Each structure stands twice: as C-alpha cells, then as structure tokens.
Amino acid sequence: MIVTELLRLLQAEHDGTAGRADHLRGQIGQLTTALAEAEARLAELGATSTSTCPPTSPRPTSPAHAWGDPSAKDSFAPA
C-alpha cells in the first residue's frame, strides 16, 4: 500500500511538471515571435534613420582637420 501511494504521488508530480514544461514551451514560442518582430522593426527603423538623416557635416580629410586646425594642409587632397 505504501508503494502504491508513492507511485501515485510520483505520477501526479510528473504530470504537473510535464504540464509546466508545455506551458513554458508555449511562452518561449510567443517570446521568440515577439523578439523576431521587434528585431525586424529595429532594422526598419535603422534603415529609415540612415536614409533620412544623412550626416550634417563633412568628414575631416586629415587628422589635423579633425582637431580643428584651419591652417593644416589637406594631405589627402591632390596637389
């Protein structure tokens, strides 16, 4: 009789754990879908931002220009 009760308790715990695992698998599926949608939206926003907001100032052509030295000769420009 004690063995029968132990087997019944183990089966009940197994069933509960299996149900919990199924529930978690469902949540993982939903979260995976939501993550994919969010990543796709971020990619769209990044592409839109890049195409609609070009840089407002030209890139420096030499390190001296990057530091704001107006007397620096542009070493990358043709002579």
Protein backbone atom coordinates (compact mmCIF):
# COMPACT_ATOMS: atom_id res chain seq x y z
CA MET A 1 0.00 0.00 0.00
CA ILE A 2 2.83 2.45 0.70
CA VAL A 3 4.44 1.67 -2.68
CA THR A 4 1.13 2.27 -4.45
CA GLU A 5 0.75 5.66 -2.75
CA LEU A 6 4.34 6.60 -3.63
CA LEU A 7 3.77 5.70 -7.29
CA ARG A 8 0.57 7.78 -7.36
CA LEU A 9 2.40 10.81 -5.90
CA LEU A 10 5.26 10.42 -8.37
CA GLN A 11 2.83 10.21 -11.28
CA ALA A 12 1.00 13.32 -10.06
CA GLU A 13 4.28 15.23 -9.79
CA HIS A 14 5.33 14.01 -13.24
CA ASP A 15 2.05 15.15 -14.76
CA GLY A 16 2.30 18.58 -13.11
CA THR A 17 5.89 19.04 -14.25
CA ALA A 18 5.02 17.96 -17.80
CA GLY A 19 2.19 20.50 -17.86
CA ARG A 20 4.52 23.24 -16.64
CA ALA A 21 7.08 22.33 -19.33
CA ASP A 22 4.40 22.52 -22.02
CA HIS A 23 3.32 25.93 -20.73
CA LEU A 24 6.91 27.19 -20.77
CA ARG A 25 7.41 25.90 -24.33
CA GLY A 26 4.35 27.90 -25.36
CA GLN A 27 5.75 31.03 -23.72
CA ILE A 28 9.10 30.51 -25.44
CA GLY A 29 7.34 30.30 -28.79
CA GLN A 30 5.43 33.51 -28.15
CA LEU A 31 8.53 35.33 -26.93
CA THR A 32 10.57 34.11 -29.90
CA THR A 33 7.95 35.50 -32.27
CA ALA A 34 7.80 38.82 -30.38
CA LEU A 35 11.59 39.09 -30.41
CA ALA A 36 11.78 38.46 -34.16
CA GLU A 37 9.13 41.14 -34.76
CA ALA A 38 10.95 43.64 -32.54
CA GLU A 39 14.28 42.96 -34.24
CA ALA A 40 12.69 43.40 -37.67
CA ARG A 41 11.18 46.70 -36.56
CA LEU A 42 14.55 47.88 -35.22
CA ALA A 43 16.14 47.02 -38.56
CA GLU A 44 13.44 49.01 -40.37
CA LEU A 45 13.95 51.99 -38.08
CA GLY A 46 17.72 51.83 -38.51
CA ALA A 47 17.41 51.77 -42.28
CA THR A 48 14.91 54.65 -42.21
CA SER A 49 17.13 56.68 -39.89
CA THR A 50 20.16 56.14 -42.09
CA SER A 51 18.38 57.09 -45.28
CA THR A 52 16.50 60.10 -43.93
CA CYS A 53 19.18 61.63 -41.68
CA PRO A 54 22.48 61.88 -43.57
CA PRO A 55 25.45 63.34 -41.68
CA THR A 56 25.20 67.13 -41.36
CA SER A 57 28.90 67.94 -41.54
CA PRO A 58 31.59 66.66 -43.88
CA ARG A 59 34.08 64.16 -42.55
CA PRO A 60 37.54 65.53 -41.80
CA THR A 61 40.04 64.67 -44.51
CA SER A 62 43.08 64.54 -42.25
CA PRO A 63 43.81 64.17 -38.54
CA ALA A 64 44.72 67.86 -38.31
CA HIS A 65 41.34 68.83 -39.71
CA ALA A 66 39.70 66.53 -37.20
CA TRP A 67 41.30 68.59 -34.41
CA GLY A 68 40.07 71.81 -35.97
CA ASP A 69 43.41 73.19 -37.16
CA PRO A 70 42.36 75.51 -40.01
CA SER A 71 45.96 76.04 -41.15
CA ALA A 72 46.55 72.31 -41.68
CA LYS A 73 47.14 71.31 -45.26
CA ASP A 74 44.83 68.59 -46.53
CA SER A 75 47.31 65.76 -47.01
CA PHE A 76 44.69 63.62 -48.74
CA ALA A 77 43.78 66.15 -51.39
CA PRO A 78 45.51 66.08 -54.80
CA ALA A 79 48.38 68.55 -55.03
